[in-house]
Amino acid sequence: MKLTISNTFMTQTAAAINTTLKAKLTGACMLAALFTVSNVALAQECLSDGLETTPNDNFTAVTTSTLLDVTTDLVWRRCSEGQTWNGSTCEGEAIKYTWQAALQLAHQASDEDLLGWRLPNVKELASITERDCVRPAVNSSLFPATPPDDFWTSTPSADDPDRAWVVAFFNASHSIKEKDRFIYVRLVRTFTTDE
């Protein structure tokens, strides 16, 4: 018995494969365009006529890499943990930590210079969010290169011992997250008069 395949079948099969390839290529192009647009759309946006919640006048330099919020007497590291201050911006990649590791990191930082660095509580960390801006919700001239994401606080959940509060620097919101999640950290300390 001899098997024959008609030209019509071969032509239809080739056309179907060609259509599938074109659809995949179109989908890939659309996906690439979406990523390009989303990167542009993720730039910080601020209200032009809003009242700043963290104006530059509320902060003064203590060192080149730390700022005093004169309204709260809190000294903040300008960079997220993992980044370093180069004199004009924060360089490097911010590092995410579990809640317990973040508490240990703060303890180690305090032991190194004896200045009392710690993980801020939820009210303290919320005090440096710029509620007129999103992505990130922070005064980026004071705290440049802040990831637009969650940051740990020292405030545990009152209802769940496995969770703690975070402040989202995407939009200045607050929520509780599982303590074993990896989340960004910014350290704080209380200002002392002998500085």
Protein backbone atom coordinates (compact mmCIF):
# COMPACT_ATOMS: atom_id res chain seq x y z
CA MET A 1 0.00 0.00 0.00
CA LYS A 2 1.40 3.35 -1.03
CA LEU A 3 0.76 6.49 1.08
CA THR A 4 0.29 9.71 -0.79
CA ILE A 5 0.03 13.17 0.67
CA SER A 6 -1.76 15.72 -1.40
CA ASN A 7 -0.30 19.12 -2.22
CA THR A 8 -3.36 20.72 -0.64
CA PHE A 9 -2.59 19.09 2.72
CA MET A 10 1.05 20.19 2.57
CA THR A 11 0.08 23.73 1.59
CA GLN A 12 -2.48 23.98 4.41
CA THR A 13 0.00 22.58 6.96
CA ALA A 14 2.72 25.02 5.88
CA ALA A 15 0.24 27.91 6.05
CA ALA A 16 -0.84 26.90 9.59
CA ILE A 17 2.79 26.71 10.76
CA ASN A 18 3.50 30.10 9.18
CA THR A 19 0.44 31.64 10.90
CA THR A 20 1.51 30.16 14.26
CA LEU A 21 5.04 31.57 13.87
CA LYS A 22 3.66 34.99 12.93
CA ALA A 23 1.39 34.95 16.00
CA LYS A 24 4.29 34.01 18.28
CA LEU A 25 6.48 36.73 16.78
CA THR A 26 3.69 39.31 17.15
CA GLY A 27 3.17 38.22 20.76
CA ALA A 28 6.89 38.51 21.51
CA CYS A 29 6.99 42.01 19.97
CA MET A 30 3.95 43.07 22.01
CA LEU A 31 5.55 41.67 25.17
CA ALA A 32 8.79 43.55 24.48
CA ALA A 33 6.81 46.76 23.91
CA LEU A 34 4.92 46.20 27.16
CA PHE A 35 8.17 45.87 29.11
CA THR A 36 9.49 49.03 27.47
CA VAL A 37 6.32 50.95 28.30
CA SER A 38 6.17 49.59 31.87
CA ASN A 39 9.78 50.66 32.54
CA VAL A 40 8.93 54.15 31.41
CA ALA A 41 5.68 54.11 33.40
CA LEU A 42 7.53 53.08 36.56
CA ALA A 43 9.39 56.39 36.91
CA GLN A 44 8.50 58.34 40.04
CA GLU A 45 5.39 60.45 39.67
CA CYS A 46 4.50 63.32 42.01
CA LEU A 47 1.54 65.66 42.23
CA SER A 48 2.56 69.04 40.93
CA ASP A 49 0.14 71.02 43.10
CA GLY A 50 0.22 68.89 46.26
CA LEU A 51 1.64 69.81 49.64
CA GLU A 52 4.95 67.98 50.22
CA THR A 53 4.94 65.75 53.29
CA THR A 54 8.75 65.52 53.47
CA PRO A 55 10.14 68.83 52.18
CA ASN A 56 13.92 69.28 52.00
CA ASP A 57 13.69 71.98 54.70
CA ASN A 58 12.69 69.34 57.26
CA PHE A 59 16.06 67.60 56.91
CA THR A 60 19.64 68.55 57.65
CA ALA A 61 22.83 66.56 57.06
CA VAL A 62 24.42 64.96 60.11
CA THR A 63 27.10 63.24 58.02
CA THR A 64 27.37 62.92 54.26
CA SER A 65 25.33 59.70 54.35
CA THR A 66 22.83 60.48 57.13
CA LEU A 67 20.04 63.04 57.53
CA LEU A 68 18.32 64.45 60.60
CA ASP A 69 14.57 64.92 60.32
CA VAL A 70 14.21 68.06 62.47
CA THR A 71 10.48 67.41 62.96
CA THR A 72 11.05 64.02 64.63
CA ASP A 73 14.68 64.14 65.86
CA LEU A 74 15.37 60.95 63.97
CA VAL A 75 18.57 60.37 62.00
CA TRP A 76 18.09 58.31 58.84
CA ARG A 77 20.55 56.53 56.60
CA ARG A 78 20.09 58.02 53.15
CA CYS A 79 20.58 54.67 51.44
CA SER A 80 18.76 51.39 51.81
CA GLU A 81 20.85 48.62 53.33
CA GLY A 82 23.16 47.15 50.70
CA GLN A 83 23.61 50.50 48.96
CA THR A 84 26.38 53.00 49.65
CA TRP A 85 26.39 56.79 49.49
CA ASN A 86 28.86 58.14 46.91
CA GLY A 87 28.43 61.82 47.75
CA SER A 88 25.49 62.45 45.46
CA THR A 89 23.41 59.25 45.26
CA CYS A 90 23.03 55.71 46.53
CA GLU A 91 24.98 53.14 44.55
CA GLY A 92 24.61 49.39 44.35
CA GLU A 93 21.69 47.08 44.90
CA ALA A 94 19.56 47.29 48.00
CA ILE A 95 19.43 43.95 49.83
CA LYS A 96 16.31 42.24 51.16
CA TYR A 97 16.30 40.55 54.58
CA THR A 98 13.92 38.48 56.66
CA TRP A 99 12.50 40.34 59.66
CA GLN A 100 14.80 38.54 62.14
CA ALA A 101 17.84 39.17 59.93
CA ALA A 102 16.86 42.86 59.68
CA LEU A 103 16.73 43.14 63.47
CA GLN A 104 20.15 41.47 63.72
CA LEU A 105 21.55 43.77 61.02
CA ALA A 106 20.42 46.82 62.99
CA HIS A 107 21.96 45.42 66.18
CA GLN A 108 25.28 44.83 64.38
CA ALA A 109 25.26 48.35 62.91
CA SER A 110 24.69 49.78 66.38
CA ASP A 111 27.49 47.67 67.85
CA GLU A 112 29.91 48.88 65.17
CA ASP A 113 29.62 52.61 65.85
CA LEU A 114 27.68 52.69 69.15
CA LEU A 115 25.22 55.24 67.77
CA GLY A 116 22.06 53.22 68.38
CA TRP A 117 21.01 52.22 64.86
CA ARG A 118 17.77 50.25 64.82
CA LEU A 119 14.89 49.15 62.68
CA PRO A 120 12.29 51.96 62.72
CA ASN A 121 8.79 51.35 64.01
CA VAL A 122 5.89 51.70 61.58
CA LYS A 123 5.09 55.32 62.54
CA GLU A 124 8.73 56.37 62.23
CA LEU A 125 9.20 54.81 58.82
CA ALA A 126 5.89 56.18 57.58
CA SER A 127 7.10 59.67 58.57
CA ILE A 128 9.61 59.72 55.68
CA THR A 129 7.17 58.63 52.98
CA GLU A 130 6.30 61.35 50.51
CA ARG A 131 2.56 60.96 50.09
CA ASP A 132 2.50 63.22 47.02
CA CYS A 133 4.65 60.73 45.09
CA VAL A 134 4.52 57.10 44.00
CA ARG A 135 7.09 54.64 42.67
CA PRO A 136 8.83 55.47 45.02
CA ALA A 137 6.79 57.35 47.62
CA VAL A 138 9.81 59.18 49.03
CA ASN A 139 11.61 62.48 48.58
CA SER A 140 14.11 61.11 46.06
CA SER A 141 16.46 64.09 46.40
CA LEU A 142 16.98 63.12 50.06
CA PHE A 143 16.70 59.33 49.73
CA PRO A 144 17.78 58.56 46.14
CA ALA A 145 17.51 55.13 44.51
CA THR A 146 14.97 53.93 47.09
CA PRO A 147 13.33 50.76 45.77
CA PRO A 148 9.58 51.28 45.26
CA ASP A 149 8.77 48.31 47.46
CA ASP A 150 8.15 47.20 51.07
CA PHE A 151 10.53 48.07 53.92
CA TRP A 152 10.55 46.30 57.30
CA THR A 153 9.61 48.02 60.53
CA SER A 154 10.28 46.79 64.06
CA THR A 155 6.53 46.73 64.77
CA PRO A 156 5.21 43.17 65.08
CA SER A 157 1.63 42.29 64.26
CA ALA A 158 -0.58 42.38 67.36
CA ASP A 159 -2.69 39.52 65.98
CA ASP A 160 -0.16 37.18 64.40
CA PRO A 161 3.28 36.43 65.92
CA ASP A 162 4.56 35.31 62.51
CA ARG A 163 3.98 38.69 60.87
CA ALA A 164 5.28 42.28 61.18
CA TRP A 165 4.43 45.68 59.72
CA VAL A 166 5.99 47.01 56.54
CA VAL A 167 5.77 50.39 54.86
CA ALA A 168 5.42 50.26 51.09
CA PHE A 169 7.54 52.86 49.33
CA PHE A 170 5.52 52.14 46.20
CA ASN A 171 2.56 54.19 47.43
CA ALA A 172 3.14 55.00 51.15
CA SER A 173 0.75 52.31 52.37
CA HIS A 174 1.23 50.01 55.37
CA SER A 175 0.53 46.31 55.76
CA ILE A 176 1.67 43.23 57.62
CA LYS A 177 3.84 40.56 56.03
CA GLU A 178 5.16 37.17 57.08
CA LYS A 179 8.45 37.56 58.96
CA ASP A 180 10.20 34.99 56.78
CA ARG A 181 9.73 37.09 53.62
CA PHE A 182 12.71 38.99 52.20
CA ILE A 183 12.08 42.74 52.38
CA TYR A 184 14.21 45.91 52.17
CA VAL A 185 15.62 47.74 55.21
CA ARG A 186 16.43 51.36 56.09
CA LEU A 187 17.97 52.04 59.51
CA VAL A 188 17.27 54.91 61.89
CA ARG A 189 18.52 56.22 65.21
CA THR A 190 17.52 58.93 67.65
CA PHE A 191 19.46 62.20 67.43
CA THR A 192 21.63 63.07 70.44
CA THR A 193 22.59 66.61 71.41
CA ASP A 194 26.32 65.84 71.60
CA GLU A 195 26.56 65.39 67.82
